Protein backbone atom coordinates (compact mmCIF):
# COMPACT_ATOMS: atom_id res chain seq x y z
CA MET A 1 22.02 30.24 8.36
CA THR A 2 21.70 26.47 7.99
CA LYS A 3 24.66 24.89 6.25
CA VAL A 4 23.99 22.45 3.44
CA SER A 5 26.32 19.46 3.14
CA GLY A 6 28.18 18.68 -0.05
CA ILE A 7 25.89 15.73 -0.64
CA GLY A 8 22.88 17.94 0.01
CA ARG A 9 24.06 20.45 -2.56
CA ARG A 10 24.66 17.71 -5.12
CA ARG A 11 21.21 16.27 -4.39
CA VAL A 12 19.61 19.65 -5.08
CA ALA A 13 21.71 19.97 -8.24
CA ALA A 14 20.63 16.51 -9.38
CA GLU A 15 16.97 17.47 -8.95
CA GLU A 16 17.42 20.70 -10.87
CA GLU A 17 19.59 19.29 -13.66
CA SER A 18 16.81 17.21 -15.24
CA SER A 19 13.56 16.54 -13.46
CA ASP A 20 12.68 13.70 -15.85
CA ALA A 21 16.05 12.01 -15.45
CA TYR A 22 15.87 12.50 -11.69
CA LYS A 23 12.43 10.86 -11.51
CA VAL A 24 13.57 7.93 -13.64
CA ARG A 25 16.59 7.33 -11.41
CA ARG A 26 14.51 7.63 -8.25
CA GLY A 27 12.10 5.10 -9.72
CA GLU A 28 14.94 2.67 -10.43
CA ILE A 29 16.22 3.06 -6.87
CA ALA A 30 12.74 2.54 -5.44
CA LYS A 31 12.25 -0.70 -7.39
CA ALA A 32 15.61 -2.03 -6.24
CA ALA A 33 14.83 -1.04 -2.65
CA VAL A 34 11.49 -2.85 -2.75
CA ARG A 35 13.25 -6.06 -3.79
CA VAL A 36 15.69 -5.69 -0.90
CA PHE A 37 12.96 -4.82 1.62
CA ASN A 38 10.99 -7.87 0.51
CA ARG A 39 13.93 -10.21 0.94
CA VAL A 40 15.29 -9.06 4.29
CA GLY A 41 12.77 -6.60 5.80
CA LEU A 42 13.27 -2.94 6.60
CA GLN A 43 15.34 -3.46 9.74
CA ARG A 44 18.02 -5.56 8.03
CA ALA A 45 18.01 -3.61 4.77
CA THR A 46 20.75 -1.08 4.03
CA LEU A 47 21.39 1.46 1.31
CA LYS A 48 24.51 -0.55 0.47
CA ALA A 49 22.29 -3.55 -0.22
CA VAL A 50 20.13 -1.38 -2.48
CA ALA A 51 23.25 -0.14 -4.28
CA ASP A 52 24.50 -3.72 -4.68
CA GLU A 53 21.11 -4.70 -6.07
CA MET A 54 21.54 -2.01 -8.73
CA GLY A 55 25.23 -2.68 -9.30
CA VAL A 56 26.24 0.88 -8.40
CA ASP A 57 28.31 2.59 -5.72
CA ARG A 58 26.46 3.35 -2.49
CA ALA A 59 27.65 6.97 -2.50
CA SER A 60 25.73 7.64 -5.72
CA LEU A 61 22.42 6.86 -3.98
CA TYR A 62 22.85 9.77 -1.58
CA TYR A 63 22.24 12.16 -4.47
CA TYR A 64 18.69 10.80 -4.59
CA VAL A 65 17.75 9.52 -1.12
CA THR A 66 18.63 10.47 2.44
CA SER A 67 18.09 7.09 4.10
CA LYS A 68 16.53 3.66 3.65
CA GLU A 69 13.68 4.72 5.95
CA ALA A 70 12.88 7.80 3.86
CA LEU A 71 12.89 5.66 0.73
CA PHE A 72 10.66 3.01 2.32
CA ASP A 73 8.23 5.59 3.68
CA GLU A 74 7.87 7.35 0.34
CA VAL A 75 7.32 4.18 -1.67
CA VAL A 76 4.79 2.71 0.75
CA LYS A 77 2.87 5.94 1.24
CA THR A 78 2.31 6.28 -2.51
CA VAL A 79 0.65 2.86 -2.73
CA VAL A 80 -1.45 3.28 0.42
CA GLU A 81 -2.69 6.68 -0.76
CA ASN A 82 -3.59 5.14 -4.11
CA ASN A 83 -5.62 2.40 -2.44
CA LEU A 84 -7.43 4.96 -0.26
CA GLU A 85 -8.28 7.03 -3.33
CA ILE A 86 -9.75 3.94 -5.00
CA THR A 87 -11.75 3.08 -1.89
CA ASN A 88 -13.14 6.60 -1.47
CA LYS A 89 -14.22 6.81 -5.11
CA ILE A 90 -16.10 3.54 -4.87
CA CYS A 91 -17.67 4.48 -1.53
CA ALA A 92 -18.88 7.86 -2.84
CA SER A 93 -20.25 6.49 -6.11
CA ASP A 94 -23.93 5.94 -6.96
CA LEU A 95 -23.45 2.19 -7.23
CA SER A 96 -25.47 -0.17 -5.05
CA PRO A 97 -23.80 -1.38 -1.84
CA ARG A 98 -23.50 -4.84 -3.40
CA ARG A 99 -21.63 -3.47 -6.40
CA LYS A 100 -19.51 -1.17 -4.24
CA LEU A 101 -18.31 -4.01 -2.05
CA ARG A 102 -17.67 -6.26 -5.04
CA ASP A 103 -15.72 -3.55 -6.88
CA LEU A 104 -13.79 -2.64 -3.75
CA ILE A 105 -12.60 -6.19 -3.08
CA CYS A 106 -11.68 -6.82 -6.71
CA THR A 107 -9.95 -3.48 -7.18
CA LEU A 108 -7.93 -3.64 -3.97
CA MET A 109 -6.73 -7.16 -4.68
CA THR A 110 -5.80 -6.18 -8.22
CA SER A 111 -3.91 -3.16 -6.85
CA TYR A 112 -2.01 -5.37 -4.41
CA GLY A 113 -0.96 -7.55 -7.32
CA GLU A 114 0.05 -4.63 -9.53
CA HIS A 115 2.16 -3.07 -6.78
CA TYR A 116 3.51 -6.34 -5.39
CA PRO A 117 5.26 -6.61 -2.99
CA ILE A 118 5.08 -3.04 -1.68
CA PHE A 119 1.79 -3.30 0.21
CA TYR A 120 2.69 -6.68 1.65
CA ILE A 121 5.99 -5.31 2.97
CA TYR A 122 3.99 -2.53 4.61
CA ILE A 123 1.64 -5.04 6.27
CA ARG A 124 4.62 -6.71 7.92
CA GLU A 125 5.89 -3.48 9.48
CA ASN A 126 4.82 -2.47 13.00
CA LEU A 127 3.72 1.16 12.74
CA SER A 128 3.57 1.62 16.50
CA HIS A 129 7.30 0.98 16.90
CA VAL A 130 9.26 3.39 14.71
CA ASP A 131 11.98 5.83 15.71
CA GLU A 132 11.15 9.42 16.53
CA THR A 133 12.16 10.77 13.14
CA ARG A 134 9.45 8.63 11.51
CA SER A 135 6.68 9.20 14.04
CA ALA A 136 4.92 11.76 11.83
CA TRP A 137 4.94 9.28 8.94
CA SER A 138 3.62 6.54 11.22
CA ARG A 139 0.74 8.72 12.40
CA GLU A 140 -0.10 9.70 8.83
CA MET A 141 -0.11 6.07 7.69
CA ARG A 142 -2.35 5.01 10.54
CA ASP A 143 -4.71 7.81 9.61
CA LEU A 144 -4.78 6.58 6.00
CA ASN A 145 -5.55 3.09 7.31
CA ARG A 146 -8.34 4.49 9.46
CA GLN A 147 -9.86 6.34 6.52
CA THR A 148 -9.80 3.18 4.41
CA THR A 149 -11.48 1.19 7.16
CA GLU A 150 -14.14 3.88 7.68
CA ALA A 151 -14.95 3.86 3.96
CA VAL A 152 -15.49 0.09 4.02
CA ILE A 153 -17.63 0.43 7.14
CA SER A 154 -19.72 3.03 5.31
CA ILE A 155 -20.36 0.60 2.45
CA ILE A 156 -21.46 -2.12 4.87
CA GLU A 157 -23.76 0.31 6.69
CA GLN A 158 -25.28 1.41 3.39
CA GLY A 159 -26.07 -2.24 2.67
CA TYR A 160 -27.62 -2.65 6.10
CA ALA A 161 -29.71 0.47 5.57
CA ASP A 162 -31.21 -0.58 2.24
CA LYS A 163 -31.53 -4.24 3.35
CA SER A 164 -29.30 -5.51 0.53
CA PHE A 165 -26.98 -6.93 3.21
CA ARG A 166 -28.14 -9.09 6.08
CA ASN A 167 -27.25 -7.42 9.36
CA VAL A 168 -24.85 -10.07 10.58
CA GLY A 169 -23.39 -7.79 13.25
CA SER A 170 -21.02 -4.87 13.73
CA ALA A 171 -20.24 -3.15 10.42
CA ARG A 172 -16.75 -2.46 11.75
CA VAL A 173 -16.11 -6.13 12.40
CA VAL A 174 -17.36 -7.00 8.91
CA ALA A 175 -15.09 -4.31 7.42
CA TYR A 176 -12.10 -5.67 9.33
CA GLY A 177 -12.98 -9.10 7.99
CA VAL A 178 -13.11 -7.89 4.39
CA LEU A 179 -9.77 -6.10 4.64
CA GLY A 180 -8.27 -9.00 6.55
CA VAL A 181 -9.23 -11.55 3.91
CA VAL A 182 -7.61 -9.48 1.17
CA GLY A 183 -4.57 -8.53 3.26
CA TRP A 184 -3.87 -12.12 4.33
CA THR A 185 -2.85 -12.98 0.78
CA HIS A 186 0.57 -11.57 1.67
CA ARG A 187 1.23 -14.95 3.27
CA TRP A 188 0.92 -16.91 0.07
CA TYR A 189 0.30 -14.86 -3.09
CA ARG A 190 3.31 -14.48 -5.38
CA PRO A 191 2.85 -13.09 -8.90
CA GLY A 192 4.15 -15.54 -11.46
CA GLN A 193 3.96 -18.41 -8.97
CA SER A 194 0.29 -18.37 -8.01
CA ASP A 195 -2.10 -20.52 -10.06
CA VAL A 196 -4.51 -17.59 -10.25
CA SER A 197 -4.03 -13.87 -10.85
CA ALA A 198 -4.63 -11.15 -8.27
CA GLU A 199 -7.68 -10.09 -10.28
CA GLU A 200 -9.14 -13.59 -10.16
CA ILE A 201 -8.43 -13.86 -6.44
CA GLY A 202 -10.36 -10.61 -5.94
CA LYS A 203 -13.35 -12.00 -7.83
CA ILE A 204 -13.31 -15.20 -5.76
CA TYR A 205 -13.13 -13.27 -2.50
CA ALA A 206 -15.94 -10.96 -3.61
CA GLU A 207 -18.19 -13.94 -4.37
CA MET A 208 -17.30 -15.61 -1.09
CA ILE A 209 -17.92 -12.52 1.08
CA LEU A 210 -21.06 -11.38 -0.68
CA ALA A 211 -22.51 -14.87 -0.51
CA GLY A 212 -22.21 -14.58 3.25
CA ILE A 213 -23.88 -11.22 3.77
CA GLU A 214 -26.19 -10.54 0.81
CA SER A 215 -29.86 -10.52 1.63
CA PRO A 216 -31.82 -13.21 -0.25
CA TYR A 217 -34.72 -10.75 -0.70
């Protein structure tokens, strides 16, 4: 029989005591952790730093999280899954390829702004170099990335097929370009400091990209 540590038992008890209260506390911890991850990166972050950010004792966090890595992985996965869901819905819709690509760029950029800085922290992490305990998470995240890229490729190919997009070359390269343009904003976009909102940036990028590949006919 596997023994459960005292902390493990208290963690289970905390979950069972009040699911709503537990979720609220986990949410507070996640927000504090994101601020710490953004300042110092995952490698230098510690649960003590997260506790200090919240003004609580580090030991109290162990009732809710097992490690900084588990907390990081959970927070990031939620946002990446959300972005993939958005992308798949747009890709599978009956909209024209032009409208799909426009909506995709605008929606993703808006999502990045709404969830700032979670996705940008994720971009900075190297998924190919994680310890063995996180290898399953790394593989899953890379698969989510692949699915997102394939959905964008599909939109580009749809535009090539109906001639609404000029065939400027590999649909995969174009898709990488689209995602790269949006993703690169992590180098300079800061909510509250930028002269334009994430939504407006998305609209500008959509106009810029579509102007380059839309067929004039």
